[in-house]
Amino acid sequence: MLVSVIVPAYKQEKTILNNVKNIYNAMSQTRWDFELIVVVDGFADRTFGNARRFKRANMKVVGYKTNKGKGYAIRYGIARAKGDLISFIDSGVDIDPNGISMLLEHMQWYDADIIVGSKRHPVSVTDYPLIRRIYSWGYYTIIRILFGLRLHDTQTGLKVFRRKVLEKVLPRLLVKEFAFDIEMLAVARHLGFRRIYEAPVKINWDFKHTAFESFLFLDPYIRRMIRDTLAIFYRLYILRFYDDRSKRRWIYDKELDMKINTGEMGSA
């Protein structure tokens, strides 16, 4: 079974080479056959060139000129993936890449559709500020009420999906930035993929926000997250945008080369 690992990256010229090496080496020590796909979300600095310095037969570095958001970068990578299981992990140094294998094992144990890395899992190893813990709890409550997702954390940048889930879900998505994870999970559940579980992660989180920015609703990131989350709810339950009958309204992006409608994901 092949595992595709998608690594979105933006403005990380100083760290991307070591990050990619760490992720590749972590996967090399597992029992899984894998490919690594680094997606550079805009050529703003030397991130693309530095990532390409690490050359392996089962790895490729792709990208595009203009920054379009993490969600778009992940979709761009998934459209070029060949794996039976598809994972994505943030390219920063926060998340321990050994956690990928933990999520993959959980996928097998539970015969899951999706496994989500969770900061709030009982055996996760994390260290992040109290204000962020409060925000995490509040957002978890909102997500459970709006979408019925019984997950304690949806925003940690480490997840694993079965290919069949993404083939059904990705053509319907609109969010390219802040609530991309929520849209994927909510739509997957709406389409009948209910075996969604959490797994522990190890995170060394270095927050650099000022006290002003960290005060919940004064944080622009949080405001955008809430806005996008409410928009997903509106499309899901009011417009019924994600239903099959709305297929003509789904947006096809030629640059994404989204061939997953015909089961051809990875042929690009």
C-alpha atoms as a PDB file:
ATOM      1  CA  MET A   1       0.000   0.000   0.000  1.00  0.00           C
ATOM      2  CA  LEU A   2       1.428   3.358  -1.069  1.00  0.00           C
ATOM      3  CA  VAL A   3       1.189   6.432   1.157  1.00  0.00           C
ATOM      4  CA  SER A   4       1.383   9.917  -0.354  1.00  0.00           C
ATOM      5  CA  VAL A   5       2.620  12.616   2.032  1.00  0.00           C
ATOM      6  CA  ILE A   6       1.758  16.180   0.965  1.00  0.00           C
ATOM      7  CA  VAL A   7       3.851  18.995   2.457  1.00  0.00           C
ATOM      8  CA  PRO A   8       2.585  22.547   1.770  1.00  0.00           C
ATOM      9  CA  ALA A   9       5.214  25.270   2.194  1.00  0.00           C
ATOM     10  CA  TYR A  10       5.309  29.061   1.954  1.00  0.00           C
ATOM     11  CA  LYS A  11       8.172  31.456   2.715  1.00  0.00           C
ATOM     12  CA  GLN A  12      10.292  28.839   4.460  1.00  0.00           C
ATOM     13  CA  GLU A  13      13.581  29.199   2.630  1.00  0.00           C
ATOM     14  CA  LYS A  14      15.607  28.933   5.843  1.00  0.00           C
ATOM     15  CA  THR A  15      13.940  25.802   7.195  1.00  0.00           C
ATOM     16  CA  ILE A  16      12.414  23.883   4.291  1.00  0.00           C
ATOM     17  CA  LEU A  17      15.457  21.736   3.501  1.00  0.00           C
ATOM     18  CA  ASN A  18      15.779  20.410   7.055  1.00  0.00           C
ATOM     19  CA  ASN A  19      12.024  20.020   7.380  1.00  0.00           C
ATOM     20  CA  VAL A  20      11.788  17.932   4.238  1.00  0.00           C
ATOM     21  CA  LYS A  21      14.746  15.807   5.312  1.00  0.00           C
ATOM     22  CA  ASN A  22      13.127  15.196   8.703  1.00  0.00           C
ATOM     23  CA  ILE A  23       9.808  14.158   7.188  1.00  0.00           C
ATOM     24  CA  TYR A  24      11.477  11.925   4.602  1.00  0.00           C
ATOM     25  CA  ASN A  25      13.724  10.260   7.176  1.00  0.00           C
ATOM     26  CA  ALA A  26      10.792   9.697   9.535  1.00  0.00           C
ATOM     27  CA  MET A  27       8.810   7.961   6.801  1.00  0.00           C
ATOM     28  CA  SER A  28      11.863   5.926   5.752  1.00  0.00           C
ATOM     29  CA  GLN A  29      11.903   4.316   9.183  1.00  0.00           C
ATOM     30  CA  THR A  30       8.320   3.056   8.886  1.00  0.00           C
ATOM     31  CA  ARG A  31       6.896  -0.049   7.217  1.00  0.00           C
ATOM     32  CA  TRP A  32       5.087   2.009   4.602  1.00  0.00           C
ATOM     33  CA  ASP A  33       5.969   2.532   0.947  1.00  0.00           C
ATOM     34  CA  PHE A  34       5.631   6.247   0.362  1.00  0.00           C
ATOM     35  CA  GLU A  35       6.034   9.220  -1.923  1.00  0.00           C
ATOM     36  CA  LEU A  36       6.708  12.753  -0.695  1.00  0.00           C
ATOM     37  CA  ILE A  37       5.202  15.729  -2.534  1.00  0.00           C
ATOM     38  CA  VAL A  38       6.318  19.215  -1.476  1.00  0.00           C
ATOM     39  CA  VAL A  39       4.024  21.981  -2.748  1.00  0.00           C
ATOM     40  CA  VAL A  40       5.472  25.489  -2.689  1.00  0.00           C
ATOM     41  CA  ASP A  41       2.556  27.903  -2.342  1.00  0.00           C
ATOM     42  CA  GLY A  42       3.976  30.835  -4.287  1.00  0.00           C
ATOM     43  CA  PHE A  43       7.526  31.643  -5.358  1.00  0.00           C
ATOM     44  CA  ALA A  44       8.025  34.466  -2.861  1.00  0.00           C
ATOM     45  CA  ASP A  45      11.568  33.478  -1.875  1.00  0.00           C
ATOM     46  CA  ARG A  46      13.994  30.553  -2.308  1.00  0.00           C
ATOM     47  CA  THR A  47      11.766  27.924  -0.716  1.00  0.00           C
ATOM     48  CA  PHE A  48      11.260  26.097  -4.031  1.00  0.00           C
ATOM     49  CA  GLY A  49      14.945  25.969  -4.934  1.00  0.00           C
ATOM     50  CA  ASN A  50      16.028  24.952  -1.445  1.00  0.00           C
ATOM     51  CA  ALA A  51      13.461  22.153  -1.267  1.00  0.00           C
ATOM     52  CA  ARG A  52      14.707  20.782  -4.581  1.00  0.00           C
ATOM     53  CA  ARG A  53      18.201  20.391  -3.167  1.00  0.00           C
ATOM     54  CA  PHE A  54      16.966  17.246  -1.417  1.00  0.00           C
ATOM     55  CA  LYS A  55      16.594  14.749  -4.253  1.00  0.00           C
ATOM     56  CA  ARG A  56      15.051  11.308  -3.895  1.00  0.00           C
ATOM     57  CA  ALA A  57      13.415   9.000  -6.431  1.00  0.00           C
ATOM     58  CA  ASN A  58      10.135   8.903  -4.499  1.00  0.00           C
ATOM     59  CA  MET A  59       9.956  12.652  -3.933  1.00  0.00           C
ATOM     60  CA  LYS A  60       8.965  15.642  -6.033  1.00  0.00           C
ATOM     61  CA  VAL A  61       8.770  19.378  -5.487  1.00  0.00           C
ATOM     62  CA  VAL A  62       6.021  21.275  -7.302  1.00  0.00           C
ATOM     63  CA  GLY A  63       4.543  24.737  -7.011  1.00  0.00           C
ATOM     64  CA  TYR A  64       3.165  27.829  -8.707  1.00  0.00           C
ATOM     65  CA  LYS A  65       4.006  31.517  -8.887  1.00  0.00           C
ATOM     66  CA  THR A  66       1.302  33.192  -6.769  1.00  0.00           C
ATOM     67  CA  ASN A  67       0.463  32.411  -3.137  1.00  0.00           C
ATOM     68  CA  LYS A  68      -3.066  30.968  -2.911  1.00  0.00           C
ATOM     69  CA  GLY A  69      -3.335  29.538   0.589  1.00  0.00           C
ATOM     70  CA  LYS A  70      -2.594  26.302   2.397  1.00  0.00           C
ATOM     71  CA  GLY A  71      -5.833  24.636   1.350  1.00  0.00           C
ATOM     72  CA  TYR A  72      -5.127  25.256  -2.308  1.00  0.00           C
ATOM     73  CA  ALA A  73      -1.578  23.942  -1.927  1.00  0.00           C
ATOM     74  CA  ILE A  74      -2.804  20.715  -0.359  1.00  0.00           C
ATOM     75  CA  ARG A  75      -5.359  20.189  -3.132  1.00  0.00           C
ATOM     76  CA  TYR A  76      -2.646  20.864  -5.712  1.00  0.00           C
ATOM     77  CA  GLY A  77      -0.496  18.148  -4.163  1.00  0.00           C
ATOM     78  CA  ILE A  78      -3.330  15.662  -3.736  1.00  0.00           C
ATOM     79  CA  ALA A  79      -4.234  16.006  -7.426  1.00  0.00           C
ATOM     80  CA  ARG A  80      -0.740  14.726  -8.203  1.00  0.00           C
ATOM     81  CA  ALA A  81      -0.676  11.961  -5.587  1.00  0.00           C
ATOM     82  CA  LYS A  82      -0.713   8.251  -6.370  1.00  0.00           C
ATOM     83  CA  GLY A  83      -1.179   6.805  -2.887  1.00  0.00           C
ATOM     84  CA  ASP A  84      -3.932   4.578  -1.546  1.00  0.00           C
ATOM     85  CA  LEU A  85      -3.665   6.616   1.653  1.00  0.00           C
ATOM     86  CA  ILE A  86      -2.981  10.350   1.447  1.00  0.00           C
ATOM     87  CA  SER A  87      -1.590  12.384   4.314  1.00  0.00           C
ATOM     88  CA  PHE A  88      -0.687  16.016   4.675  1.00  0.00           C
ATOM     89  CA  ILE A  89       1.558  17.611   7.272  1.00  0.00           C
ATOM     90  CA  ASP A  90       2.578  21.221   7.828  1.00  0.00           C
ATOM     91  CA  SER A  91       6.137  21.915   6.729  1.00  0.00           C
ATOM     92  CA  GLY A  92       7.066  23.820   9.885  1.00  0.00           C
ATOM     93  CA  VAL A  93       9.061  22.273  12.717  1.00  0.00           C
ATOM     94  CA  ASP A  94       6.107  22.265  15.132  1.00  0.00           C
ATOM     95  CA  ILE A  95       4.668  18.800  14.419  1.00  0.00           C
ATOM     96  CA  ASP A  96       6.847  15.736  14.959  1.00  0.00           C
ATOM     97  CA  PRO A  97       6.811  13.921  11.569  1.00  0.00           C
ATOM     98  CA  ASN A  98       6.965  10.562  13.349  1.00  0.00           C
ATOM     99  CA  GLY A  99       3.298  11.225  14.036  1.00  0.00           C
ATOM    100  CA  ILE A 100       2.471  10.331  10.432  1.00  0.00           C
ATOM    101  CA  SER A 101       3.109   6.646  11.121  1.00  0.00           C
ATOM    102  CA  MET A 102       0.962   6.877  14.263  1.00  0.00           C
ATOM    103  CA  LEU A 103      -1.972   8.150  12.201  1.00  0.00           C
ATOM    104  CA  LEU A 104      -1.403   5.458   9.575  1.00  0.00           C
ATOM    105  CA  GLU A 105      -1.504   2.742  12.223  1.00  0.00           C
ATOM    106  CA  HIS A 106      -4.730   4.213  13.610  1.00  0.00           C
ATOM    107  CA  MET A 107      -6.146   4.126  10.088  1.00  0.00           C
ATOM    108  CA  GLN A 108      -5.546   0.368  10.019  1.00  0.00           C
ATOM    109  CA  TRP A 109      -6.678  -0.324  13.578  1.00  0.00           C
ATOM    110  CA  TYR A 110     -10.028   1.416  13.176  1.00  0.00           C
ATOM    111  CA  ASP A 111     -10.541   0.714   9.454  1.00  0.00           C
ATOM    112  CA  ALA A 112     -11.096   4.456   9.306  1.00  0.00           C
ATOM    113  CA  ASP A 113     -12.007   6.789   6.469  1.00  0.00           C
ATOM    114  CA  ILE A 114     -10.072   9.691   8.019  1.00  0.00           C
ATOM    115  CA  ILE A 115      -7.637  10.032  10.920  1.00  0.00           C
ATOM    116  CA  VAL A 116      -7.075  13.488  12.389  1.00  0.00           C
ATOM    117  CA  GLY A 117      -4.044  14.464  14.446  1.00  0.00           C
ATOM    118  CA  SER A 118      -5.339  16.045  17.647  1.00  0.00           C
ATOM    119  CA  LYS A 119      -3.642  18.307  20.167  1.00  0.00           C
ATOM    120  CA  ARG A 120      -6.388  17.423  22.637  1.00  0.00           C
ATOM    121  CA  HIS A 121      -5.943  13.645  22.417  1.00  0.00           C
ATOM    122  CA  PRO A 122      -5.269  12.281  25.947  1.00  0.00           C
ATOM    123  CA  VAL A 123      -1.740  11.095  25.092  1.00  0.00           C
ATOM    124  CA  SER A 124      -0.686  13.978  22.835  1.00  0.00           C
ATOM    125  CA  VAL A 125       2.425  15.887  23.878  1.00  0.00           C
ATOM    126  CA  THR A 126       1.813  19.614  23.410  1.00  0.00           C
ATOM    127  CA  ASP A 127       2.631  22.970  24.923  1.00  0.00           C
ATOM    128  CA  TYR A 128       0.566  25.963  23.848  1.00  0.00           C
ATOM    129  CA  PRO A 129      -0.807  29.068  25.603  1.00  0.00           C
ATOM    130  CA  LEU A 130      -3.961  29.086  27.717  1.00  0.00           C
ATOM    131  CA  ILE A 131      -5.693  31.571  25.419  1.00  0.00           C
ATOM    132  CA  ARG A 132      -5.238  29.132  22.541  1.00  0.00           C
ATOM    133  CA  ARG A 133      -6.600  26.271  24.632  1.00  0.00           C
ATOM    134  CA  ILE A 134      -9.698  28.336  25.319  1.00  0.00           C
ATOM    135  CA  TYR A 135     -10.058  29.128  21.627  1.00  0.00           C
ATOM    136  CA  SER A 136      -9.595  25.441  20.727  1.00  0.00           C
ATOM    137  CA  TRP A 137     -12.329  24.371  23.146  1.00  0.00           C
ATOM    138  CA  GLY A 138     -14.693  27.060  21.902  1.00  0.00           C
ATOM    139  CA  TYR A 139     -14.135  26.201  18.261  1.00  0.00           C
ATOM    140  CA  TYR A 140     -14.575  22.477  18.998  1.00  0.00           C
ATOM    141  CA  THR A 141     -17.967  23.280  20.533  1.00  0.00           C
ATOM    142  CA  ILE A 142     -19.010  25.318  17.482  1.00  0.00           C
ATOM    143  CA  ILE A 143     -17.931  22.567  15.070  1.00  0.00           C
ATOM    144  CA  ARG A 144     -19.799  19.897  16.997  1.00  0.00           C
ATOM    145  CA  ILE A 145     -23.002  21.959  17.049  1.00  0.00           C
ATOM    146  CA  LEU A 146     -22.849  23.035  13.394  1.00  0.00           C
ATOM    147  CA  PHE A 147     -21.608  19.870  11.724  1.00  0.00           C
ATOM    148  CA  GLY A 148     -21.963  17.002  14.196  1.00  0.00           C
ATOM    149  CA  LEU A 149     -18.216  16.334  14.062  1.00  0.00           C
ATOM    150  CA  ARG A 150     -17.234  14.604  17.300  1.00  0.00           C
ATOM    151  CA  LEU A 151     -13.634  15.741  17.107  1.00  0.00           C
ATOM    152  CA  HIS A 152     -11.819  17.673  19.798  1.00  0.00           C
ATOM    153  CA  ASP A 153      -9.360  19.267  17.359  1.00  0.00           C
ATOM    154  CA  THR A 154      -9.700  19.817  13.634  1.00  0.00           C
ATOM    155  CA  GLN A 155      -6.943  22.354  12.962  1.00  0.00           C
ATOM    156  CA  THR A 156      -3.709  20.489  13.697  1.00  0.00           C
ATOM    157  CA  GLY A 157      -1.865  20.228  10.389  1.00  0.00           C
ATOM    158  CA  LEU A 158      -1.601  16.440  10.230  1.00  0.00           C
ATOM    159  CA  LYS A 159      -4.293  14.204   8.742  1.00  0.00           C
ATOM    160  CA  VAL A 160      -4.669  10.972   6.740  1.00  0.00           C
ATOM    161  CA  PHE A 161      -7.449  10.208   4.244  1.00  0.00           C
ATOM    162  CA  ARG A 162      -8.376   7.190   2.204  1.00  0.00           C
ATOM    163  CA  ARG A 163      -8.156   7.905  -1.489  1.00  0.00           C
ATOM    164  CA  LYS A 164     -11.836   7.082  -2.084  1.00  0.00           C
ATOM    165  CA  VAL A 165     -12.823   9.824   0.384  1.00  0.00           C
ATOM    166  CA  LEU A 166     -10.829  12.492  -1.417  1.00  0.00           C
ATOM    167  CA  GLU A 167     -12.104  11.397  -4.818  1.00  0.00           C
ATOM    168  CA  LYS A 168     -15.622  12.187  -3.636  1.00  0.00           C
ATOM    169  CA  VAL A 169     -14.884  15.255  -1.508  1.00  0.00           C
ATOM    170  CA  LEU A 170     -12.291  17.406  -3.260  1.00  0.00           C
ATOM    171  CA  PRO A 171     -14.223  18.446  -6.415  1.00  0.00           C
ATOM    172  CA  ARG A 172     -16.849  20.069  -4.182  1.00  0.00           C
ATOM    173  CA  LEU A 173     -14.567  22.256  -2.045  1.00  0.00           C
ATOM    174  CA  LEU A 174     -14.241  26.041  -2.194  1.00  0.00           C
ATOM    175  CA  VAL A 175     -12.147  27.114   0.809  1.00  0.00           C
ATOM    176  CA  LYS A 176      -8.487  27.721   0.019  1.00  0.00           C
ATOM    177  CA  GLU A 177      -7.246  29.118   3.301  1.00  0.00           C
ATOM    178  CA  PHE A 178      -8.401  29.195   6.901  1.00  0.00           C
ATOM    179  CA  ALA A 179     -11.248  26.669   7.215  1.00  0.00           C
ATOM    180  CA  PHE A 180     -10.056  24.210   4.590  1.00  0.00           C
ATOM    181  CA  ASP A 181      -9.774  21.383   7.140  1.00  0.00           C
ATOM    182  CA  ILE A 182     -13.323  21.925   8.376  1.00  0.00           C
ATOM    183  CA  GLU A 183     -14.751  21.957   4.867  1.00  0.00           C
ATOM    184  CA  MET A 184     -13.031  18.650   4.039  1.00  0.00           C
ATOM    185  CA  LEU A 185     -14.228  16.962   7.229  1.00  0.00           C
ATOM    186  CA  ALA A 186     -17.781  18.350   7.171  1.00  0.00           C
ATOM    187  CA  VAL A 187     -18.317  17.443   3.529  1.00  0.00           C
ATOM    188  CA  ALA A 188     -16.835  13.966   4.034  1.00  0.00           C
ATOM    189  CA  ARG A 189     -19.238  13.304   6.909  1.00  0.00           C
ATOM    190  CA  HIS A 190     -22.136  14.721   4.890  1.00  0.00           C
ATOM    191  CA  LEU A 191     -21.339  12.263   2.086  1.00  0.00           C
ATOM    192  CA  GLY A 192     -21.475   9.310   4.449  1.00  0.00           C
ATOM    193  CA  PHE A 193     -17.848   8.868   5.515  1.00  0.00           C
ATOM    194  CA  ARG A 194     -18.500   8.624   9.249  1.00  0.00           C
ATOM    195  CA  ARG A 195     -15.432   6.679  10.399  1.00  0.00           C
ATOM    196  CA  ILE A 196     -13.447   9.754  11.408  1.00  0.00           C
ATOM    197  CA  TYR A 197     -11.186   9.351  14.436  1.00  0.00           C
ATOM    198  CA  GLU A 198      -8.417  11.180  16.283  1.00  0.00           C
ATOM    199  CA  ALA A 199      -4.825  10.153  16.989  1.00  0.00           C
ATOM    200  CA  PRO A 200      -2.150  11.667  19.262  1.00  0.00           C
ATOM    201  CA  VAL A 201       0.532  14.061  18.062  1.00  0.00           C
ATOM    202  CA  LYS A 202       3.664  15.621  19.484  1.00  0.00           C
ATOM    203  CA  ILE A 203       3.920  19.361  18.985  1.00  0.00           C
ATOM    204  CA  ASN A 204       6.490  21.938  20.009  1.00  0.00           C
ATOM    205  CA  TRP A 205       4.487  25.067  19.348  1.00  0.00           C
ATOM    206  CA  ASP A 206       6.204  28.440  19.216  1.00  0.00           C
ATOM    207  CA  PHE A 207       3.594  31.206  19.181  1.00  0.00           C
ATOM    208  CA  LYS A 208       4.854  34.625  18.203  1.00  0.00           C
ATOM    209  CA  HIS A 209       1.606  36.578  18.370  1.00  0.00           C
ATOM    210  CA  THR A 210       1.491  39.699  20.490  1.00  0.00           C
ATOM    211  CA  ALA A 211      -0.848  39.793  23.474  1.00  0.00           C
ATOM    212  CA  PHE A 212      -3.237  41.998  21.494  1.00  0.00           C
ATOM    213  CA  GLU A 213      -3.411  39.585  18.547  1.00  0.00           C
ATOM    214  CA  SER A 214      -3.866  36.603  20.830  1.00  0.00           C
ATOM    215  CA  PHE A 215      -7.011  37.977  22.404  1.00  0.00           C
ATOM    216  CA  LEU A 216      -9.478  35.724  20.602  1.00  0.00           C
ATOM    217  CA  PHE A 217     -11.715  37.889  18.409  1.00  0.00           C
ATOM    218  CA  LEU A 218      -9.023  40.547  17.943  1.00  0.00           C
ATOM    219  CA  ASP A 219      -6.955  37.904  16.147  1.00  0.00           C
ATOM    220  CA  PRO A 220      -7.618  38.268  12.384  1.00  0.00           C
ATOM    221  CA  TYR A 221      -6.922  34.558  11.837  1.00  0.00           C
ATOM    222  CA  ILE A 222      -9.709  33.612  14.240  1.00  0.00           C
ATOM    223  CA  ARG A 223     -12.150  36.066  12.699  1.00  0.00           C
ATOM    224  CA  ARG A 224     -11.523  34.630   9.241  1.00  0.00           C
ATOM    225  CA  MET A 225     -11.855  31.084  10.560  1.00  0.00           C
ATOM    226  CA  ILE A 226     -15.271  31.860  12.019  1.00  0.00           C
ATOM    227  CA  ARG A 227     -16.388  33.644   8.850  1.00  0.00           C
ATOM    228  CA  ASP A 228     -15.343  30.736   6.620  1.00  0.00           C
ATOM    229  CA  THR A 229     -16.848  28.175   9.002  1.00  0.00           C
ATOM    230  CA  LEU A 230     -20.237  29.880   8.912  1.00  0.00           C
ATOM    231  CA  ALA A 231     -20.012  30.063   5.118  1.00  0.00           C
ATOM    232  CA  ILE A 232     -19.446  26.292   4.987  1.00  0.00           C
ATOM    233  CA  PHE A 233     -22.523  25.736   7.168  1.00  0.00           C
ATOM    234  CA  TYR A 234     -24.584  27.960   4.844  1.00  0.00           C
ATOM    235  CA  ARG A 235     -23.431  26.104   1.714  1.00  0.00           C
ATOM    236  CA  LEU A 236     -23.895  22.688   3.329  1.00  0.00           C
ATOM    237  CA  TYR A 237     -27.370  23.036   4.852  1.00  0.00           C
ATOM    238  CA  ILE A 238     -29.003  26.025   3.147  1.00  0.00           C
ATOM    239  CA  LEU A 239     -27.675  26.065  -0.411  1.00  0.00           C
ATOM    240  CA  ARG A 240     -27.025  22.293  -0.480  1.00  0.00           C
ATOM    241  CA  PHE A 241     -24.005  23.211  -2.594  1.00  0.00           C
ATOM    242  CA  TYR A 242     -22.072  20.018  -1.783  1.00  0.00           C
ATOM    243  CA  ASP A 243     -24.850  17.651  -2.874  1.00  0.00           C
ATOM    244  CA  ASP A 244     -24.547  15.706  -6.131  1.00  0.00           C
ATOM    245  CA  ARG A 245     -27.442  17.628  -7.629  1.00  0.00           C
ATOM    246  CA  SER A 246     -25.332  20.813  -7.421  1.00  0.00           C
ATOM    247  CA  LYS A 247     -22.483  19.355  -9.458  1.00  0.00           C
ATOM    248  CA  ARG A 248     -22.823  21.976 -12.193  1.00  0.00           C
ATOM    249  CA  ARG A 249     -22.060  24.671  -9.614  1.00  0.00           C
ATOM    250  CA  TRP A 250     -18.772  23.153  -8.483  1.00  0.00           C
ATOM    251  CA  ILE A 251     -15.748  25.138  -9.584  1.00  0.00           C
ATOM    252  CA  TYR A 252     -13.213  23.414 -11.816  1.00  0.00           C
ATOM    253  CA  ASP A 253      -9.734  24.888 -11.496  1.00  0.00           C
ATOM    254  CA  LYS A 254      -7.614  24.046 -14.525  1.00  0.00           C
ATOM    255  CA  GLU A 255      -4.367  24.712 -12.671  1.00  0.00           C
ATOM    256  CA  LEU A 256      -5.280  22.129 -10.052  1.00  0.00           C
ATOM    257  CA  ASP A 257      -5.788  19.611 -12.856  1.00  0.00           C
ATOM    258  CA  MET A 258      -8.421  17.951 -10.720  1.00  0.00           C
ATOM    259  CA  LYS A 259      -8.962  14.614 -12.444  1.00  0.00           C
ATOM    260  CA  ILE A 260     -10.302  12.922  -9.364  1.00  0.00           C
ATOM    261  CA  ASN A 261     -13.867  12.934 -10.697  1.00  0.00           C
ATOM    262  CA  THR A 262     -12.878  10.073 -12.991  1.00  0.00           C
ATOM    263  CA  GLY A 263     -10.597   8.310 -10.535  1.00  0.00           C
ATOM    264  CA  GLU A 264      -7.477   9.550 -12.310  1.00  0.00           C
ATOM    265  CA  MET A 265      -5.906  11.364  -9.371  1.00  0.00           C
ATOM    266  CA  GLY A 266      -2.147  11.270  -9.671  1.00  0.00           C
ATOM    267  CA  SER A 267      -1.956  10.964 -13.439  1.00  0.00           C
ATOM    268  CA  ALA A 268      -0.678  14.504 -13.845  1.00  0.00           C
END
